[in-house]
Amino acid sequence: MPILDTLKRMYRDAFIEQPESAEDPKAFDWFRTKDDRIFGIRREHLSANERQLLKLTFTPYSIEPLNRTKKQQAWANLLYDNVPPVNTPVLPQEIRLVYFVLHRFEDRHRNLNAAIKSFFNRSYLTTIWKTTSEGVIILKNRGDRSCEELIDLVTADFYCDIMMLNVPDVVVSGLSETSSRHRLLFQLARHLFPNQKYFEYVHLFPLMLVHAFADQSRFEIKEWRARIGSLPPELVQSINVYFHHNFNLSTAAGALYIHRNSLQYRLDRVHRMTGLDPKQFHDAVIISLLLLNDHYERWAAEQKKESES
């Protein structure tokens, strides 16, 4: 990540990654990048202006322990450590989970907890913070309050950015393993689609397939991947917008600020270059998966390059 390399050169020994690497973590101001990397800079090396600039660029990260009620700790044990709660009322068989990640959040956590509880009302069970900037809302598996409404509320009232993943119909039995998969998928979705604020779990099914396929080499799809990879950026953008507008040429063309016939010509070019027709449902499904696979592999290659540098 170039910006972190720049900070390393600027602050030298005052720069460190991960709180566990520091002898005295409290001597540092800690921050979190959009790709979930944690770094710190010694406080005495930061001016007030530098500290403010870092807060605007990154998410402040607190290393203070999270204060949890007994109820919250019981749910946290079940979620993260697969430890069933004891001496508590019978748990529901199914719940709804809403995972969230905050950026530039500087308010009090209890204020946000109160807002979330008020928003979901009777379906609300509790909010579990995994760190000071991410957690999960646990709800009874009913109610139809839209998470997109909550995103608008949090953004407006708390002056921060928030991303959410909604997962209904979660069986409490085996919750830790299930939640671990949810968090991995949410992390991938945030990295691959950083401008998207809200994800429905079922809509990430193609990403699940691509991630699962990444470790498989039994099937020969190199030719098809190469065809998709050879498409110019304007054709890839046109396909994505066309799919987003549910195969409607007119509205998609309007969103692209081009004539309907121009979009038709671009889709025909895709057909000629790949042998797959984006106007046909079955071909469109294949194109969509191949595009997602190409995006995923480019991101994975960048992550590998950064880890090796």
C-alpha atoms as a PDB file:
ATOM      1  CA  MET A   1       0.000   0.000   0.000  1.00  0.00           C
ATOM      2  CA  PRO A   2       1.891   3.113  -1.210  1.00  0.00           C
ATOM      3  CA  ILE A   3       0.503   5.493   1.414  1.00  0.00           C
ATOM      4  CA  LEU A   4       1.680   3.253   4.263  1.00  0.00           C
ATOM      5  CA  ASP A   5       5.109   3.024   2.645  1.00  0.00           C
ATOM      6  CA  THR A   6       5.181   6.824   2.591  1.00  0.00           C
ATOM      7  CA  LEU A   7       4.268   6.974   6.293  1.00  0.00           C
ATOM      8  CA  LYS A   8       6.987   4.433   7.097  1.00  0.00           C
ATOM      9  CA  ARG A   9       9.579   6.617   5.362  1.00  0.00           C
ATOM     10  CA  MET A  10       8.308   9.745   7.107  1.00  0.00           C
ATOM     11  CA  TYR A  11       8.123   8.413  10.676  1.00  0.00           C
ATOM     12  CA  ARG A  12      10.730   5.629  10.524  1.00  0.00           C
ATOM     13  CA  ASP A  13      11.035   3.977  13.960  1.00  0.00           C
ATOM     14  CA  ALA A  14       7.957   5.839  15.212  1.00  0.00           C
ATOM     15  CA  PHE A  15       5.792   3.854  12.770  1.00  0.00           C
ATOM     16  CA  ILE A  16       4.594   0.350  13.632  1.00  0.00           C
ATOM     17  CA  GLU A  17       1.978  -2.117  12.390  1.00  0.00           C
ATOM     18  CA  GLN A  18      -0.307  -4.091  14.733  1.00  0.00           C
ATOM     19  CA  PRO A  19      -0.692  -3.218  18.458  1.00  0.00           C
ATOM     20  CA  GLU A  20       0.747  -6.569  19.559  1.00  0.00           C
ATOM     21  CA  SER A  21       4.071  -5.581  17.977  1.00  0.00           C
ATOM     22  CA  ALA A  22       4.524  -2.623  20.343  1.00  0.00           C
ATOM     23  CA  GLU A  23       6.041  -2.870  23.807  1.00  0.00           C
ATOM     24  CA  ASP A  24       3.752  -0.052  24.944  1.00  0.00           C
ATOM     25  CA  PRO A  25       0.736   0.187  22.592  1.00  0.00           C
ATOM     26  CA  LYS A  26      -0.673   3.118  24.584  1.00  0.00           C
ATOM     27  CA  ALA A  27       2.277   5.266  23.451  1.00  0.00           C
ATOM     28  CA  PHE A  28       0.900   5.242  19.894  1.00  0.00           C
ATOM     29  CA  ASP A  29      -2.056   6.733  18.037  1.00  0.00           C
ATOM     30  CA  TRP A  30      -3.620   3.839  16.125  1.00  0.00           C
ATOM     31  CA  PHE A  31      -5.424   3.914  12.784  1.00  0.00           C
ATOM     32  CA  ARG A  32      -7.159   1.469  10.477  1.00  0.00           C
ATOM     33  CA  THR A  33      -6.990   1.473   6.664  1.00  0.00           C
ATOM     34  CA  LYS A  34      -9.896   0.606   4.360  1.00  0.00           C
ATOM     35  CA  ASP A  35      -8.374  -2.824   3.765  1.00  0.00           C
ATOM     36  CA  ASP A  36      -8.318  -3.504   7.541  1.00  0.00           C
ATOM     37  CA  ARG A  37      -4.618  -2.948   8.194  1.00  0.00           C
ATOM     38  CA  ILE A  38      -3.815  -1.490  11.618  1.00  0.00           C
ATOM     39  CA  PHE A  39      -0.867   0.858  12.140  1.00  0.00           C
ATOM     40  CA  GLY A  40       0.329   3.220  14.848  1.00  0.00           C
ATOM     41  CA  ILE A  41       2.561   6.283  15.145  1.00  0.00           C
ATOM     42  CA  ARG A  42       4.193   7.427  18.394  1.00  0.00           C
ATOM     43  CA  ARG A  43       2.200  10.305  19.829  1.00  0.00           C
ATOM     44  CA  GLU A  44       5.187  12.556  20.468  1.00  0.00           C
ATOM     45  CA  HIS A  45       6.037  12.420  16.764  1.00  0.00           C
ATOM     46  CA  LEU A  46       2.635  13.755  15.673  1.00  0.00           C
ATOM     47  CA  SER A  47       1.652  17.401  15.556  1.00  0.00           C
ATOM     48  CA  ALA A  48      -1.994  18.379  16.061  1.00  0.00           C
ATOM     49  CA  ASN A  49      -2.379  19.008  12.324  1.00  0.00           C
ATOM     50  CA  GLU A  50      -0.783  15.674  11.407  1.00  0.00           C
ATOM     51  CA  ARG A  51      -3.050  13.841  13.849  1.00  0.00           C
ATOM     52  CA  GLN A  52      -6.135  15.542  12.401  1.00  0.00           C
ATOM     53  CA  LEU A  53      -5.075  14.726   8.840  1.00  0.00           C
ATOM     54  CA  LEU A  54      -4.586  11.057   9.750  1.00  0.00           C
ATOM     55  CA  LYS A  55      -8.055  10.977  11.350  1.00  0.00           C
ATOM     56  CA  LEU A  56      -9.564  12.333   8.151  1.00  0.00           C
ATOM     57  CA  THR A  57      -7.682   9.826   5.979  1.00  0.00           C
ATOM     58  CA  PHE A  58      -7.999   6.709   8.143  1.00  0.00           C
ATOM     59  CA  THR A  59     -10.323   5.345  10.821  1.00  0.00           C
ATOM     60  CA  PRO A  60      -9.049   5.949  14.368  1.00  0.00           C
ATOM     61  CA  TYR A  61      -8.532   2.605  16.091  1.00  0.00           C
ATOM     62  CA  SER A  62      -8.784   2.132  19.848  1.00  0.00           C
ATOM     63  CA  ILE A  63      -6.888  -0.606  21.656  1.00  0.00           C
ATOM     64  CA  GLU A  64      -8.879  -0.155  24.843  1.00  0.00           C
ATOM     65  CA  PRO A  65     -10.782  -3.289  25.949  1.00  0.00           C
ATOM     66  CA  LEU A  66     -14.450  -3.375  24.978  1.00  0.00           C
ATOM     67  CA  ASN A  67     -16.878  -3.080  27.876  1.00  0.00           C
ATOM     68  CA  ARG A  68     -19.582  -5.718  27.497  1.00  0.00           C
ATOM     69  CA  THR A  69     -22.573  -6.554  29.636  1.00  0.00           C
ATOM     70  CA  LYS A  70     -22.995 -10.161  30.754  1.00  0.00           C
ATOM     71  CA  LYS A  71     -25.561 -10.666  27.994  1.00  0.00           C
ATOM     72  CA  GLN A  72     -23.234  -9.225  25.357  1.00  0.00           C
ATOM     73  CA  GLN A  73     -20.288 -11.305  26.588  1.00  0.00           C
ATOM     74  CA  ALA A  74     -22.393 -14.471  26.461  1.00  0.00           C
ATOM     75  CA  TRP A  75     -23.317 -13.769  22.831  1.00  0.00           C
ATOM     76  CA  ALA A  76     -19.697 -12.839  22.036  1.00  0.00           C
ATOM     77  CA  ASN A  77     -18.500 -16.146  23.476  1.00  0.00           C
ATOM     78  CA  LEU A  78     -21.001 -17.995  21.304  1.00  0.00           C
ATOM     79  CA  LEU A  79     -20.153 -15.969  18.188  1.00  0.00           C
ATOM     80  CA  TYR A  80     -16.382 -15.926  18.353  1.00  0.00           C
ATOM     81  CA  ASP A  81     -15.336 -18.819  20.602  1.00  0.00           C
ATOM     82  CA  ASN A  82     -18.161 -21.371  20.199  1.00  0.00           C
ATOM     83  CA  VAL A  83     -18.773 -21.302  23.958  1.00  0.00           C
ATOM     84  CA  PRO A  84     -22.488 -21.800  24.777  1.00  0.00           C
ATOM     85  CA  PRO A  85     -23.888 -19.423  27.407  1.00  0.00           C
ATOM     86  CA  VAL A  86     -24.795 -20.793  30.832  1.00  0.00           C
ATOM     87  CA  ASN A  87     -27.489 -19.677  33.269  1.00  0.00           C
ATOM     88  CA  THR A  88     -29.269 -17.666  30.591  1.00  0.00           C
ATOM     89  CA  PRO A  89     -32.793 -17.876  29.127  1.00  0.00           C
ATOM     90  CA  VAL A  90     -33.362 -20.282  26.247  1.00  0.00           C
ATOM     91  CA  LEU A  91     -31.885 -18.839  23.058  1.00  0.00           C
ATOM     92  CA  PRO A  92     -33.962 -18.520  19.879  1.00  0.00           C
ATOM     93  CA  GLN A  93     -33.375 -21.240  17.310  1.00  0.00           C
ATOM     94  CA  GLU A  94     -32.903 -18.743  14.474  1.00  0.00           C
ATOM     95  CA  ILE A  95     -31.697 -15.162  14.473  1.00  0.00           C
ATOM     96  CA  ARG A  96     -30.874 -12.394  12.007  1.00  0.00           C
ATOM     97  CA  LEU A  97     -27.337 -10.975  11.966  1.00  0.00           C
ATOM     98  CA  VAL A  98     -26.344  -7.551  10.649  1.00  0.00           C
ATOM     99  CA  TYR A  99     -22.562  -7.145  10.402  1.00  0.00           C
ATOM    100  CA  PHE A 100     -21.194  -3.607  10.223  1.00  0.00           C
ATOM    101  CA  VAL A 101     -17.907  -1.749   9.821  1.00  0.00           C
ATOM    102  CA  LEU A 102     -17.527   1.941  10.668  1.00  0.00           C
ATOM    103  CA  HIS A 103     -15.114   4.482   9.236  1.00  0.00           C
ATOM    104  CA  ARG A 104     -14.370   7.857  10.847  1.00  0.00           C
ATOM    105  CA  PHE A 105     -16.584   7.028  13.830  1.00  0.00           C
ATOM    106  CA  GLU A 106     -15.712   9.268  16.781  1.00  0.00           C
ATOM    107  CA  ASP A 107     -18.916   9.223  18.851  1.00  0.00           C
ATOM    108  CA  ARG A 108     -19.645   7.121  21.922  1.00  0.00           C
ATOM    109  CA  HIS A 109     -20.478   3.477  21.267  1.00  0.00           C
ATOM    110  CA  ARG A 110     -23.357   3.524  23.732  1.00  0.00           C
ATOM    111  CA  ASN A 111     -25.008   6.323  21.725  1.00  0.00           C
ATOM    112  CA  LEU A 112     -24.888   4.206  18.578  1.00  0.00           C
ATOM    113  CA  ASN A 113     -26.105   1.140  20.478  1.00  0.00           C
ATOM    114  CA  ALA A 114     -29.105   3.144  21.699  1.00  0.00           C
ATOM    115  CA  ALA A 115     -29.889   4.363  18.169  1.00  0.00           C
ATOM    116  CA  ILE A 116     -29.699   0.812  16.775  1.00  0.00           C
ATOM    117  CA  LYS A 117     -31.903  -0.546  19.564  1.00  0.00           C
ATOM    118  CA  SER A 118     -34.496   2.181  18.968  1.00  0.00           C
ATOM    119  CA  PHE A 119     -34.422   1.579  15.213  1.00  0.00           C
ATOM    120  CA  PHE A 120     -35.106  -2.172  15.368  1.00  0.00           C
ATOM    121  CA  ASN A 121     -37.308  -1.913  18.471  1.00  0.00           C
ATOM    122  CA  ARG A 122     -38.892  -5.246  19.452  1.00  0.00           C
ATOM    123  CA  SER A 123     -36.785  -7.371  17.103  1.00  0.00           C
ATOM    124  CA  TYR A 124     -33.537  -6.114  18.733  1.00  0.00           C
ATOM    125  CA  LEU A 125     -31.554  -8.509  20.958  1.00  0.00           C
ATOM    126  CA  THR A 126     -28.115  -6.883  21.343  1.00  0.00           C
ATOM    127  CA  THR A 127     -25.069  -5.404  19.592  1.00  0.00           C
ATOM    128  CA  ILE A 128     -21.681  -7.118  19.901  1.00  0.00           C
ATOM    129  CA  TRP A 129     -18.567  -5.043  19.162  1.00  0.00           C
ATOM    130  CA  LYS A 130     -15.655  -7.130  17.888  1.00  0.00           C
ATOM    131  CA  THR A 131     -13.401  -4.061  17.802  1.00  0.00           C
ATOM    132  CA  THR A 132     -14.083  -0.364  18.308  1.00  0.00           C
ATOM    133  CA  SER A 133     -15.018  -0.020  14.633  1.00  0.00           C
ATOM    134  CA  GLU A 134     -16.809  -3.256  13.742  1.00  0.00           C
ATOM    135  CA  GLY A 135     -19.387  -5.582  15.179  1.00  0.00           C
ATOM    136  CA  VAL A 136     -22.661  -7.390  14.645  1.00  0.00           C
ATOM    137  CA  ILE A 137     -26.268  -6.571  15.507  1.00  0.00           C
ATOM    138  CA  ILE A 138     -28.236  -9.605  16.725  1.00  0.00           C
ATOM    139  CA  LEU A 139     -31.956  -9.550  15.995  1.00  0.00           C
ATOM    140  CA  LYS A 140     -34.899 -11.850  16.352  1.00  0.00           C
ATOM    141  CA  ASN A 141     -35.499 -13.505  12.994  1.00  0.00           C
ATOM    142  CA  ARG A 142     -38.427 -11.309  12.105  1.00  0.00           C
ATOM    143  CA  GLY A 143     -39.181  -7.696  11.357  1.00  0.00           C
ATOM    144  CA  ASP A 144     -38.749  -5.853   8.107  1.00  0.00           C
ATOM    145  CA  ARG A 145     -36.820  -2.701   9.018  1.00  0.00           C
ATOM    146  CA  SER A 146     -34.453  -1.936   6.144  1.00  0.00           C
ATOM    147  CA  CYS A 147     -30.747  -1.846   6.904  1.00  0.00           C
ATOM    148  CA  GLU A 148     -30.408   0.757   4.165  1.00  0.00           C
ATOM    149  CA  GLU A 149     -32.606   3.044   6.279  1.00  0.00           C
ATOM    150  CA  LEU A 150     -30.286   2.431   9.231  1.00  0.00           C
ATOM    151  CA  ILE A 151     -27.241   3.272   7.112  1.00  0.00           C
ATOM    152  CA  ASP A 152     -28.836   6.620   6.194  1.00  0.00           C
ATOM    153  CA  LEU A 153     -29.648   7.288   9.857  1.00  0.00           C
ATOM    154  CA  VAL A 154     -26.161   6.443  11.167  1.00  0.00           C
ATOM    155  CA  THR A 155     -24.433   8.397   8.402  1.00  0.00           C
ATOM    156  CA  ALA A 156     -26.555  11.497   9.052  1.00  0.00           C
ATOM    157  CA  ASP A 157     -26.632  11.407  12.867  1.00  0.00           C
ATOM    158  CA  PHE A 158     -23.096  10.229  13.636  1.00  0.00           C
ATOM    159  CA  TYR A 159     -21.179  11.807  10.719  1.00  0.00           C
ATOM    160  CA  CYS A 160     -19.399   8.587   9.777  1.00  0.00           C
ATOM    161  CA  ASP A 161     -19.357   5.982   7.014  1.00  0.00           C
ATOM    162  CA  ILE A 162     -20.827   2.529   7.598  1.00  0.00           C
ATOM    163  CA  MET A 163     -20.994  -0.695   5.575  1.00  0.00           C
ATOM    164  CA  MET A 164     -23.427  -3.503   6.422  1.00  0.00           C
ATOM    165  CA  LEU A 165     -24.093  -7.153   5.591  1.00  0.00           C
ATOM    166  CA  ASN A 166     -27.586  -8.499   6.335  1.00  0.00           C
ATOM    167  CA  VAL A 167     -27.887 -12.252   7.014  1.00  0.00           C
ATOM    168  CA  PRO A 168     -31.372 -13.570   7.896  1.00  0.00           C
ATOM    169  CA  ASP A 169     -32.389 -17.093   8.967  1.00  0.00           C
ATOM    170  CA  VAL A 170     -29.175 -17.910  10.873  1.00  0.00           C
ATOM    171  CA  VAL A 171     -29.359 -21.106  12.928  1.00  0.00           C
ATOM    172  CA  VAL A 172     -27.913 -20.527  16.421  1.00  0.00           C
ATOM    173  CA  SER A 173     -26.503 -24.051  16.576  1.00  0.00           C
ATOM    174  CA  GLY A 174     -22.951 -23.899  15.218  1.00  0.00           C
ATOM    175  CA  LEU A 175     -23.066 -20.096  15.219  1.00  0.00           C
ATOM    176  CA  SER A 176     -19.306 -19.543  15.611  1.00  0.00           C
ATOM    177  CA  GLU A 177     -18.369 -21.400  12.408  1.00  0.00           C
ATOM    178  CA  THR A 178     -21.229 -19.809  10.477  1.00  0.00           C
ATOM    179  CA  SER A 179     -20.318 -16.321  11.671  1.00  0.00           C
ATOM    180  CA  SER A 180     -16.681 -16.853  10.709  1.00  0.00           C
ATOM    181  CA  ARG A 181     -17.766 -17.544   7.110  1.00  0.00           C
ATOM    182  CA  HIS A 182     -20.010 -14.484   7.142  1.00  0.00           C
ATOM    183  CA  ARG A 183     -17.159 -12.227   8.288  1.00  0.00           C
ATOM    184  CA  LEU A 184     -14.783 -13.597   5.649  1.00  0.00           C
ATOM    185  CA  LEU A 185     -17.319 -13.001   2.887  1.00  0.00           C
ATOM    186  CA  PHE A 186     -18.105  -9.514   4.216  1.00  0.00           C
ATOM    187  CA  GLN A 187     -14.391  -8.683   4.238  1.00  0.00           C
ATOM    188  CA  LEU A 188     -14.011  -9.838   0.617  1.00  0.00           C
ATOM    189  CA  ALA A 189     -17.099  -7.882  -0.449  1.00  0.00           C
ATOM    190  CA  ARG A 190     -15.812  -4.690   1.211  1.00  0.00           C
ATOM    191  CA  HIS A 191     -12.465  -4.975  -0.554  1.00  0.00           C
ATOM    192  CA  LEU A 192     -13.893  -5.815  -3.960  1.00  0.00           C
ATOM    193  CA  PHE A 193     -16.784  -3.329  -3.841  1.00  0.00           C
ATOM    194  CA  PRO A 194     -15.547  -0.461  -1.634  1.00  0.00           C
ATOM    195  CA  ASN A 195     -18.194   1.982  -2.892  1.00  0.00           C
ATOM    196  CA  GLN A 196     -21.105  -0.270  -1.954  1.00  0.00           C
ATOM    197  CA  LYS A 197     -22.518   0.385   1.518  1.00  0.00           C
ATOM    198  CA  TYR A 198     -24.995  -2.468   1.879  1.00  0.00           C
ATOM    199  CA  PHE A 199     -24.870  -6.167   1.043  1.00  0.00           C
ATOM    200  CA  GLU A 200     -27.543  -8.859   1.218  1.00  0.00           C
ATOM    201  CA  TYR A 201     -26.015 -12.250   1.986  1.00  0.00           C
ATOM    202  CA  VAL A 202     -27.915 -14.047  -0.774  1.00  0.00           C
ATOM    203  CA  HIS A 203     -26.649 -11.520  -3.346  1.00  0.00           C
ATOM    204  CA  LEU A 204     -23.061 -12.485  -2.473  1.00  0.00           C
ATOM    205  CA  PHE A 205     -23.636 -16.045  -3.682  1.00  0.00           C
ATOM    206  CA  PRO A 206     -21.570 -15.431  -6.877  1.00  0.00           C
ATOM    207  CA  LEU A 207     -18.699 -14.179  -4.705  1.00  0.00           C
ATOM    208  CA  MET A 208     -18.945 -17.349  -2.590  1.00  0.00           C
ATOM    209  CA  LEU A 209     -18.585 -19.415  -5.773  1.00  0.00           C
ATOM    210  CA  VAL A 210     -15.624 -17.388  -7.038  1.00  0.00           C
ATOM    211  CA  HIS A 211     -13.846 -17.593  -3.672  1.00  0.00           C
ATOM    212  CA  ALA A 212     -14.456 -21.332  -3.452  1.00  0.00           C
ATOM    213  CA  PHE A 213     -13.314 -21.795  -7.040  1.00  0.00           C
ATOM    214  CA  ALA A 214     -10.073 -19.867  -6.426  1.00  0.00           C
ATOM    215  CA  ASP A 215      -8.471 -22.934  -4.839  1.00  0.00           C
ATOM    216  CA  GLN A 216      -9.648 -25.364  -7.499  1.00  0.00           C
ATOM    217  CA  SER A 217      -7.742 -26.209 -10.683  1.00  0.00           C
ATOM    218  CA  ARG A 218      -9.692 -29.186 -12.004  1.00  0.00           C
ATOM    219  CA  PHE A 219     -11.622 -27.181 -14.555  1.00  0.00           C
ATOM    220  CA  GLU A 220     -10.158 -25.531 -17.638  1.00  0.00           C
ATOM    221  CA  ILE A 221     -11.530 -22.019 -17.976  1.00  0.00           C
ATOM    222  CA  LYS A 222      -8.337 -20.186 -18.966  1.00  0.00           C
ATOM    223  CA  GLU A 223      -9.630 -19.446 -22.453  1.00  0.00           C
ATOM    224  CA  TRP A 224     -12.840 -17.887 -21.151  1.00  0.00           C
ATOM    225  CA  ARG A 225     -10.981 -15.926 -18.473  1.00  0.00           C
ATOM    226  CA  ALA A 226      -8.615 -14.614 -21.156  1.00  0.00           C
ATOM    227  CA  ARG A 227     -11.534 -13.496 -23.331  1.00  0.00           C
ATOM    228  CA  ILE A 228     -13.151 -11.610 -20.462  1.00  0.00           C
ATOM    229  CA  GLY A 229      -9.777 -10.184 -19.408  1.00  0.00           C
ATOM    230  CA  SER A 230      -9.234  -8.803 -22.929  1.00  0.00           C
ATOM    231  CA  LEU A 231     -12.365  -6.621 -22.818  1.00  0.00           C
ATOM    232  CA  PRO A 232     -11.641  -2.856 -22.769  1.00  0.00           C
ATOM    233  CA  PRO A 233     -12.729  -0.994 -19.606  1.00  0.00           C
ATOM    234  CA  GLU A 234     -15.611   0.804 -21.373  1.00  0.00           C
ATOM    235  CA  LEU A 235     -17.124  -2.553 -22.404  1.00  0.00           C
ATOM    236  CA  VAL A 236     -16.794  -3.957 -18.886  1.00  0.00           C
ATOM    237  CA  GLN A 237     -18.462  -0.837 -17.488  1.00  0.00           C
ATOM    238  CA  SER A 238     -21.247  -1.091 -20.078  1.00  0.00           C
ATOM    239  CA  ILE A 239     -21.942  -4.732 -19.217  1.00  0.00           C
ATOM    240  CA  ASN A 240     -22.057  -4.018 -15.469  1.00  0.00           C
ATOM    241  CA  VAL A 241     -24.426  -1.083 -15.916  1.00  0.00           C
ATOM    242  CA  TYR A 242     -26.610  -3.090 -18.319  1.00  0.00           C
ATOM    243  CA  PHE A 243     -26.883  -5.936 -15.798  1.00  0.00           C
ATOM    244  CA  HIS A 244     -27.509  -3.458 -12.957  1.00  0.00           C
ATOM    245  CA  HIS A 245     -30.459  -2.071 -14.925  1.00  0.00           C
ATOM    246  CA  ASN A 246     -31.917  -5.558 -15.417  1.00  0.00           C
ATOM    247  CA  PHE A 247     -31.236  -5.812 -19.175  1.00  0.00           C
ATOM    248  CA  ASN A 248     -33.034  -2.531 -19.897  1.00  0.00           C
ATOM    249  CA  LEU A 249     -31.161  -0.928 -22.803  1.00  0.00           C
ATOM    250  CA  SER A 250     -32.802   2.471 -22.473  1.00  0.00           C
ATOM    251  CA  THR A 251     -32.219   3.067 -18.750  1.00  0.00           C
ATOM    252  CA  ALA A 252     -28.707   1.581 -18.917  1.00  0.00           C
ATOM    253  CA  ALA A 253     -27.808   3.807 -21.856  1.00  0.00           C
ATOM    254  CA  GLY A 254     -29.139   6.806 -19.929  1.00  0.00           C
ATOM    255  CA  ALA A 255     -26.982   5.927 -16.924  1.00  0.00           C
ATOM    256  CA  LEU A 256     -23.953   5.687 -19.238  1.00  0.00           C
ATOM    257  CA  TYR A 257     -24.868   8.965 -20.999  1.00  0.00           C
ATOM    258  CA  ILE A 258     -24.784   7.300 -24.414  1.00  0.00           C
ATOM    259  CA  HIS A 259     -27.388   6.563 -27.095  1.00  0.00           C
ATOM    260  CA  ARG A 260     -29.348   3.316 -26.873  1.00  0.00           C
ATOM    261  CA  ASN A 261     -27.875   2.214 -30.205  1.00  0.00           C
ATOM    262  CA  SER A 262     -24.350   2.860 -28.908  1.00  0.00           C
ATOM    263  CA  LEU A 263     -24.962   0.533 -25.988  1.00  0.00           C
ATOM    264  CA  GLN A 264     -26.417  -2.071 -28.363  1.00  0.00           C
ATOM    265  CA  TYR A 265     -23.208  -1.808 -30.430  1.00  0.00           C
ATOM    266  CA  ARG A 266     -21.041  -2.287 -27.318  1.00  0.00           C
ATOM    267  CA  LEU A 267     -22.974  -5.390 -26.258  1.00  0.00           C
ATOM    268  CA  ASP A 268     -22.612  -6.800 -29.771  1.00  0.00           C
ATOM    269  CA  ARG A 269     -18.839  -6.189 -29.513  1.00  0.00           C
ATOM    270  CA  VAL A 270     -18.765  -8.177 -26.283  1.00  0.00           C
ATOM    271  CA  HIS A 271     -20.563 -11.002 -28.060  1.00  0.00           C
ATOM    272  CA  ARG A 272     -18.048 -10.971 -30.924  1.00  0.00           C
ATOM    273  CA  MET A 273     -15.017 -10.844 -28.607  1.00  0.00           C
ATOM    274  CA  THR A 274     -16.106 -13.500 -26.105  1.00  0.00           C
ATOM    275  CA  GLY A 275     -18.645 -15.694 -27.882  1.00  0.00           C
ATOM    276  CA  LEU A 276     -21.074 -14.930 -25.029  1.00  0.00           C
ATOM    277  CA  ASP A 277     -24.141 -12.755 -25.593  1.00  0.00           C
ATOM    278  CA  PRO A 278     -24.861 -10.466 -22.597  1.00  0.00           C
ATOM    279  CA  LYS A 279     -28.475 -10.089 -23.811  1.00  0.00           C
ATOM    280  CA  GLN A 280     -29.128 -13.810 -23.278  1.00  0.00           C
ATOM    281  CA  PHE A 281     -29.831 -14.883 -19.692  1.00  0.00           C
ATOM    282  CA  HIS A 282     -27.607 -17.976 -19.507  1.00  0.00           C
ATOM    283  CA  ASP A 283     -24.695 -16.216 -21.208  1.00  0.00           C
ATOM    284  CA  ALA A 284     -25.205 -13.205 -18.941  1.00  0.00           C
ATOM    285  CA  VAL A 285     -24.858 -15.416 -15.840  1.00  0.00           C
ATOM    286  CA  ILE A 286     -21.558 -16.801 -17.158  1.00  0.00           C
ATOM    287  CA  ILE A 287     -20.275 -13.337 -18.099  1.00  0.00           C
ATOM    288  CA  SER A 288     -21.202 -11.995 -14.657  1.00  0.00           C
ATOM    289  CA  LEU A 289     -19.307 -14.789 -12.879  1.00  0.00           C
ATOM    290  CA  LEU A 290     -16.275 -14.449 -15.151  1.00  0.00           C
ATOM    291  CA  LEU A 291     -16.166 -10.683 -14.578  1.00  0.00           C
ATOM    292  CA  LEU A 292     -16.381 -11.201 -10.832  1.00  0.00           C
ATOM    293  CA  ASN A 293     -13.664 -13.863 -11.028  1.00  0.00           C
ATOM    294  CA  ASP A 294     -11.422 -11.471 -12.974  1.00  0.00           C
ATOM    295  CA  HIS A 295     -12.011  -8.715 -10.408  1.00  0.00           C
ATOM    296  CA  TYR A 296     -11.319 -11.126  -7.543  1.00  0.00           C
ATOM    297  CA  GLU A 297      -8.078 -12.411  -9.080  1.00  0.00           C
ATOM    298  CA  ARG A 298      -6.790  -8.897  -9.741  1.00  0.00           C
ATOM    299  CA  TRP A 299      -7.471  -7.981  -6.108  1.00  0.00           C
ATOM    300  CA  ALA A 300      -5.839 -11.198  -4.833  1.00  0.00           C
ATOM    301  CA  ALA A 301      -2.760 -10.526  -6.976  1.00  0.00           C
ATOM    302  CA  GLU A 302      -2.482  -7.003  -5.539  1.00  0.00           C
ATOM    303  CA  GLN A 303      -2.755  -8.373  -1.987  1.00  0.00           C
ATOM    304  CA  LYS A 304      -0.021 -10.931  -2.687  1.00  0.00           C
ATOM    305  CA  LYS A 305       2.233  -8.260  -4.200  1.00  0.00           C
ATOM    306  CA  GLU A 306       1.761  -5.989  -1.177  1.00  0.00           C
ATOM    307  CA  SER A 307       2.478  -8.813   1.282  1.00  0.00           C
ATOM    308  CA  GLU A 308       5.715  -9.655  -0.531  1.00  0.00           C
ATOM    309  CA  SER A 309       6.962  -6.055  -0.728  1.00  0.00           C
END
